[in-house]
Amino acid sequence: MTIGMLQLDFLIQGASSLKDKRRVIKGLKQRMRNKFNCSVAETDYHDMWQRAQITVCVVSNESIHANTQLNEIAHFASKQFEAEMVHYHIEML
């Protein structure tokens, strides 16, 4: 069994309040859950208006499958227009 973890760092240029940021992040997390059936949580920069870190986890019986899925999620996240992905990191546990 392999657990794959993906950390995504975002800049949210249009956010002028925490409410704006939360609206963007909530929508992004929901789209990821719906499309990829993965676990998603905001894990850092909770009090910063224009920064966010999201962590995604998947479980698979093959590390290649988990890695492929996490790369697809990172690619999907990079295409979002409301939040600019500035960095991502994949780790297998």
N, C-alpha and C. Protein backbone atom coordinates (compact mmCIF):
# COMPACT_ATOMS: atom_id res chain seq x y z
N MET A 1 0.84 -1.18 0.00
CA MET A 1 0.00 0.00 0.00
C MET A 1 0.88 1.24 0.00
N THR A 2 0.50 2.21 -0.81
CA THR A 2 1.23 3.46 -0.92
C THR A 2 0.30 4.63 -0.64
N ILE A 3 0.80 5.57 0.14
CA ILE A 3 0.08 6.82 0.37
C ILE A 3 0.86 7.91 -0.34
N GLY A 4 0.18 8.62 -1.23
CA GLY A 4 0.81 9.72 -1.94
C GLY A 4 0.30 11.04 -1.40
N MET A 5 1.23 11.98 -1.21
CA MET A 5 0.88 13.29 -0.68
C MET A 5 1.38 14.37 -1.63
N LEU A 6 0.52 15.31 -1.92
CA LEU A 6 0.84 16.42 -2.82
C LEU A 6 0.57 17.72 -2.08
N GLN A 7 1.61 18.57 -1.97
CA GLN A 7 1.43 19.89 -1.38
C GLN A 7 1.47 20.92 -2.49
N LEU A 8 0.45 21.76 -2.52
CA LEU A 8 0.30 22.80 -3.54
C LEU A 8 0.30 24.17 -2.87
N ASP A 9 1.14 25.08 -3.35
CA ASP A 9 1.16 26.45 -2.85
C ASP A 9 0.56 27.36 -3.91
N PHE A 10 -0.35 28.24 -3.48
CA PHE A 10 -1.07 29.12 -4.39
C PHE A 10 -0.93 30.58 -4.00
N LEU A 11 -0.97 31.44 -5.01
CA LEU A 11 -1.19 32.87 -4.84
C LEU A 11 -2.58 33.16 -5.35
N ILE A 12 -3.32 33.93 -4.59
CA ILE A 12 -4.68 34.30 -4.98
C ILE A 12 -4.69 35.82 -5.12
N GLN A 13 -4.38 36.29 -6.31
CA GLN A 13 -4.18 37.72 -6.56
C GLN A 13 -5.44 38.54 -6.32
N GLY A 14 -6.62 38.01 -6.63
CA GLY A 14 -7.85 38.78 -6.52
C GLY A 14 -8.46 38.85 -5.14
N ALA A 15 -7.86 38.18 -4.17
CA ALA A 15 -8.44 38.14 -2.82
C ALA A 15 -8.13 39.42 -2.07
N SER A 16 -9.18 40.08 -1.58
CA SER A 16 -8.98 41.29 -0.79
C SER A 16 -9.42 41.07 0.67
N SER A 17 -9.79 39.83 0.99
CA SER A 17 -10.17 39.48 2.36
C SER A 17 -10.05 37.97 2.53
N LEU A 18 -10.11 37.51 3.77
CA LEU A 18 -10.09 36.07 4.02
C LEU A 18 -11.33 35.41 3.44
N LYS A 19 -12.44 36.13 3.39
CA LYS A 19 -13.67 35.59 2.81
C LYS A 19 -13.48 35.31 1.32
N ASP A 20 -12.82 36.21 0.60
CA ASP A 20 -12.53 35.99 -0.82
C ASP A 20 -11.64 34.77 -1.00
N LYS A 21 -10.61 34.67 -0.17
CA LYS A 21 -9.68 33.54 -0.26
C LYS A 21 -10.40 32.23 0.01
N ARG A 22 -11.21 32.19 1.05
CA ARG A 22 -11.91 30.95 1.41
C ARG A 22 -12.88 30.50 0.32
N ARG A 23 -13.51 31.46 -0.36
CA ARG A 23 -14.41 31.13 -1.47
C ARG A 23 -13.64 30.44 -2.59
N VAL A 24 -12.48 30.97 -2.94
CA VAL A 24 -11.66 30.38 -3.99
C VAL A 24 -11.16 29.00 -3.58
N ILE A 25 -10.62 28.88 -2.38
CA ILE A 25 -10.05 27.62 -1.91
C ILE A 25 -11.12 26.56 -1.74
N LYS A 26 -12.27 26.93 -1.22
CA LYS A 26 -13.36 25.97 -1.03
C LYS A 26 -13.79 25.39 -2.37
N GLY A 27 -13.93 26.24 -3.38
CA GLY A 27 -14.30 25.76 -4.72
C GLY A 27 -13.25 24.85 -5.33
N LEU A 28 -11.99 25.23 -5.17
CA LEU A 28 -10.90 24.41 -5.71
C LEU A 28 -10.86 23.04 -5.04
N LYS A 29 -10.98 23.01 -3.73
CA LYS A 29 -10.97 21.74 -3.00
C LYS A 29 -12.13 20.85 -3.45
N GLN A 30 -13.30 21.43 -3.62
CA GLN A 30 -14.47 20.65 -4.02
C GLN A 30 -14.30 20.08 -5.43
N ARG A 31 -13.76 20.89 -6.36
CA ARG A 31 -13.53 20.39 -7.72
C ARG A 31 -12.52 19.24 -7.72
N MET A 32 -11.48 19.33 -6.89
CA MET A 32 -10.50 18.25 -6.79
C MET A 32 -11.14 16.98 -6.24
N ARG A 33 -11.93 17.12 -5.19
CA ARG A 33 -12.60 15.94 -4.61
C ARG A 33 -13.52 15.28 -5.62
N ASN A 34 -14.30 16.08 -6.32
CA ASN A 34 -15.26 15.54 -7.28
C ASN A 34 -14.58 14.86 -8.46
N LYS A 35 -13.53 15.47 -8.98
CA LYS A 35 -12.88 14.95 -10.18
C LYS A 35 -11.96 13.77 -9.90
N PHE A 36 -11.25 13.79 -8.76
CA PHE A 36 -10.21 12.79 -8.51
C PHE A 36 -10.48 11.86 -7.33
N ASN A 37 -11.56 12.07 -6.59
CA ASN A 37 -11.88 11.23 -5.44
C ASN A 37 -10.70 11.12 -4.47
N CYS A 38 -10.21 12.27 -4.04
CA CYS A 38 -9.04 12.33 -3.16
C CYS A 38 -9.39 13.11 -1.89
N SER A 39 -8.51 13.03 -0.91
CA SER A 39 -8.66 13.81 0.31
C SER A 39 -7.93 15.13 0.13
N VAL A 40 -8.57 16.23 0.51
CA VAL A 40 -8.01 17.56 0.29
C VAL A 40 -8.23 18.40 1.54
N ALA A 41 -7.19 19.16 1.94
CA ALA A 41 -7.32 20.06 3.09
C ALA A 41 -6.41 21.27 2.90
N GLU A 42 -6.86 22.41 3.41
CA GLU A 42 -6.00 23.59 3.46
C GLU A 42 -5.10 23.41 4.67
N THR A 43 -3.77 23.48 4.47
CA THR A 43 -2.84 23.12 5.54
C THR A 43 -1.93 24.23 6.02
N ASP A 44 -1.89 25.37 5.34
CA ASP A 44 -1.01 26.45 5.79
C ASP A 44 -1.51 27.79 5.26
N TYR A 45 -0.95 28.87 5.79
CA TYR A 45 -1.28 30.25 5.40
C TYR A 45 -2.75 30.57 5.68
N HIS A 46 -3.28 30.11 6.78
CA HIS A 46 -4.70 30.28 7.08
C HIS A 46 -5.11 31.74 7.24
N ASP A 47 -4.22 32.57 7.74
CA ASP A 47 -4.57 33.97 8.00
C ASP A 47 -4.02 34.94 6.96
N MET A 48 -3.50 34.44 5.87
CA MET A 48 -2.98 35.30 4.81
C MET A 48 -3.99 35.36 3.67
N TRP A 49 -4.34 36.55 3.23
CA TRP A 49 -5.39 36.73 2.22
C TRP A 49 -5.04 36.16 0.87
N GLN A 50 -3.80 36.31 0.45
CA GLN A 50 -3.44 35.96 -0.93
C GLN A 50 -2.53 34.74 -1.04
N ARG A 51 -2.38 33.99 0.02
CA ARG A 51 -1.57 32.77 -0.01
C ARG A 51 -2.41 31.60 0.50
N ALA A 52 -2.14 30.42 -0.02
CA ALA A 52 -2.81 29.21 0.46
C ALA A 52 -1.93 28.01 0.17
N GLN A 53 -1.99 27.04 1.05
CA GLN A 53 -1.36 25.75 0.80
C GLN A 53 -2.43 24.68 0.98
N ILE A 54 -2.53 23.83 -0.03
CA ILE A 54 -3.48 22.73 -0.01
C ILE A 54 -2.69 21.44 -0.07
N THR A 55 -3.08 20.47 0.74
CA THR A 55 -2.46 19.15 0.71
C THR A 55 -3.50 18.13 0.25
N VAL A 56 -3.08 17.30 -0.70
CA VAL A 56 -3.94 16.27 -1.29
C VAL A 56 -3.32 14.92 -0.98
N CYS A 57 -4.14 13.94 -0.58
CA CYS A 57 -3.65 12.59 -0.32
C CYS A 57 -4.46 11.57 -1.12
N VAL A 58 -3.75 10.58 -1.63
CA VAL A 58 -4.38 9.44 -2.31
C VAL A 58 -3.76 8.16 -1.76
N VAL A 59 -4.53 7.10 -1.80
CA VAL A 59 -4.05 5.79 -1.37
C VAL A 59 -4.21 4.84 -2.54
N SER A 60 -3.15 4.04 -2.78
CA SER A 60 -3.19 3.10 -3.89
C SER A 60 -2.36 1.87 -3.53
N ASN A 61 -2.60 0.78 -4.24
CA ASN A 61 -1.78 -0.40 -4.01
C ASN A 61 -0.49 -0.36 -4.83
N GLU A 62 -0.36 0.61 -5.73
CA GLU A 62 0.86 0.77 -6.53
C GLU A 62 1.33 2.22 -6.48
N SER A 63 2.62 2.42 -6.23
CA SER A 63 3.15 3.77 -6.13
C SER A 63 3.10 4.50 -7.48
N ILE A 64 3.21 3.76 -8.58
CA ILE A 64 3.14 4.39 -9.90
C ILE A 64 1.75 4.99 -10.12
N HIS A 65 0.71 4.27 -9.73
CA HIS A 65 -0.65 4.78 -9.88
C HIS A 65 -0.86 6.03 -9.02
N ALA A 66 -0.41 6.01 -7.77
CA ALA A 66 -0.55 7.17 -6.89
C ALA A 66 0.20 8.37 -7.45
N ASN A 67 1.43 8.15 -7.94
CA ASN A 67 2.23 9.23 -8.50
C ASN A 67 1.56 9.82 -9.74
N THR A 68 1.03 8.97 -10.60
CA THR A 68 0.34 9.43 -11.80
C THR A 68 -0.87 10.28 -11.44
N GLN A 69 -1.65 9.81 -10.48
CA GLN A 69 -2.84 10.56 -10.08
C GLN A 69 -2.46 11.90 -9.47
N LEU A 70 -1.43 11.94 -8.64
CA LEU A 70 -1.01 13.22 -8.04
C LEU A 70 -0.49 14.19 -9.08
N ASN A 71 0.21 13.69 -10.09
CA ASN A 71 0.65 14.56 -11.18
C ASN A 71 -0.52 15.11 -11.97
N GLU A 72 -1.56 14.32 -12.17
CA GLU A 72 -2.77 14.80 -12.84
C GLU A 72 -3.46 15.87 -12.01
N ILE A 73 -3.49 15.69 -10.71
CA ILE A 73 -4.10 16.69 -9.83
C ILE A 73 -3.30 17.99 -9.87
N ALA A 74 -1.97 17.89 -9.85
CA ALA A 74 -1.13 19.09 -9.93
C ALA A 74 -1.36 19.82 -11.25
N HIS A 75 -1.46 19.07 -12.35
CA HIS A 75 -1.72 19.68 -13.65
C HIS A 75 -3.09 20.37 -13.65
N PHE A 76 -4.10 19.72 -13.09
CA PHE A 76 -5.44 20.29 -12.98
C PHE A 76 -5.38 21.60 -12.17
N ALA A 77 -4.67 21.58 -11.04
CA ALA A 77 -4.57 22.76 -10.17
C ALA A 77 -3.86 23.92 -10.87
N SER A 78 -2.90 23.60 -11.72
CA SER A 78 -2.15 24.66 -12.42
C SER A 78 -3.01 25.37 -13.46
N LYS A 79 -4.11 24.77 -13.86
CA LYS A 79 -5.00 25.35 -14.87
C LYS A 79 -6.11 26.21 -14.27
N GLN A 80 -6.18 26.32 -12.96
CA GLN A 80 -7.24 27.09 -12.32
C GLN A 80 -6.98 28.58 -12.49
N PHE A 81 -8.00 29.33 -12.88
CA PHE A 81 -7.81 30.74 -13.18
C PHE A 81 -7.91 31.64 -11.95
N GLU A 82 -8.56 31.19 -10.88
CA GLU A 82 -8.73 32.04 -9.70
C GLU A 82 -7.51 32.02 -8.77
N ALA A 83 -6.71 30.96 -8.86
CA ALA A 83 -5.54 30.80 -7.99
C ALA A 83 -4.36 30.36 -8.84
N GLU A 84 -3.23 31.02 -8.64
CA GLU A 84 -2.02 30.69 -9.39
C GLU A 84 -1.14 29.74 -8.56
N MET A 85 -0.90 28.55 -9.09
CA MET A 85 -0.05 27.60 -8.39
C MET A 85 1.40 28.02 -8.58
N VAL A 86 2.12 28.23 -7.48
CA VAL A 86 3.51 28.68 -7.56
C VAL A 86 4.51 27.57 -7.25
N HIS A 87 4.05 26.50 -6.58
CA HIS A 87 4.97 25.42 -6.22
C HIS A 87 4.15 24.18 -5.86
N TYR A 88 4.73 23.02 -6.17
CA TYR A 88 4.11 21.78 -5.68
C TYR A 88 5.20 20.77 -5.37
N HIS A 89 4.85 19.84 -4.47
CA HIS A 89 5.80 18.84 -4.01
C HIS A 89 5.04 17.53 -3.80
N ILE A 90 5.56 16.44 -4.40
CA ILE A 90 4.95 15.12 -4.25
C ILE A 90 5.84 14.26 -3.38
N GLU A 91 5.21 13.54 -2.47
CA GLU A 91 5.95 12.65 -1.57
C GLU A 91 5.17 11.34 -1.44
N MET A 92 5.86 10.24 -1.46
CA MET A 92 5.25 8.93 -1.28
C MET A 92 5.60 8.41 0.11
N LEU A 93 4.61 7.93 0.83
CA LEU A 93 4.82 7.41 2.18
C LEU A 93 4.62 5.91 2.21
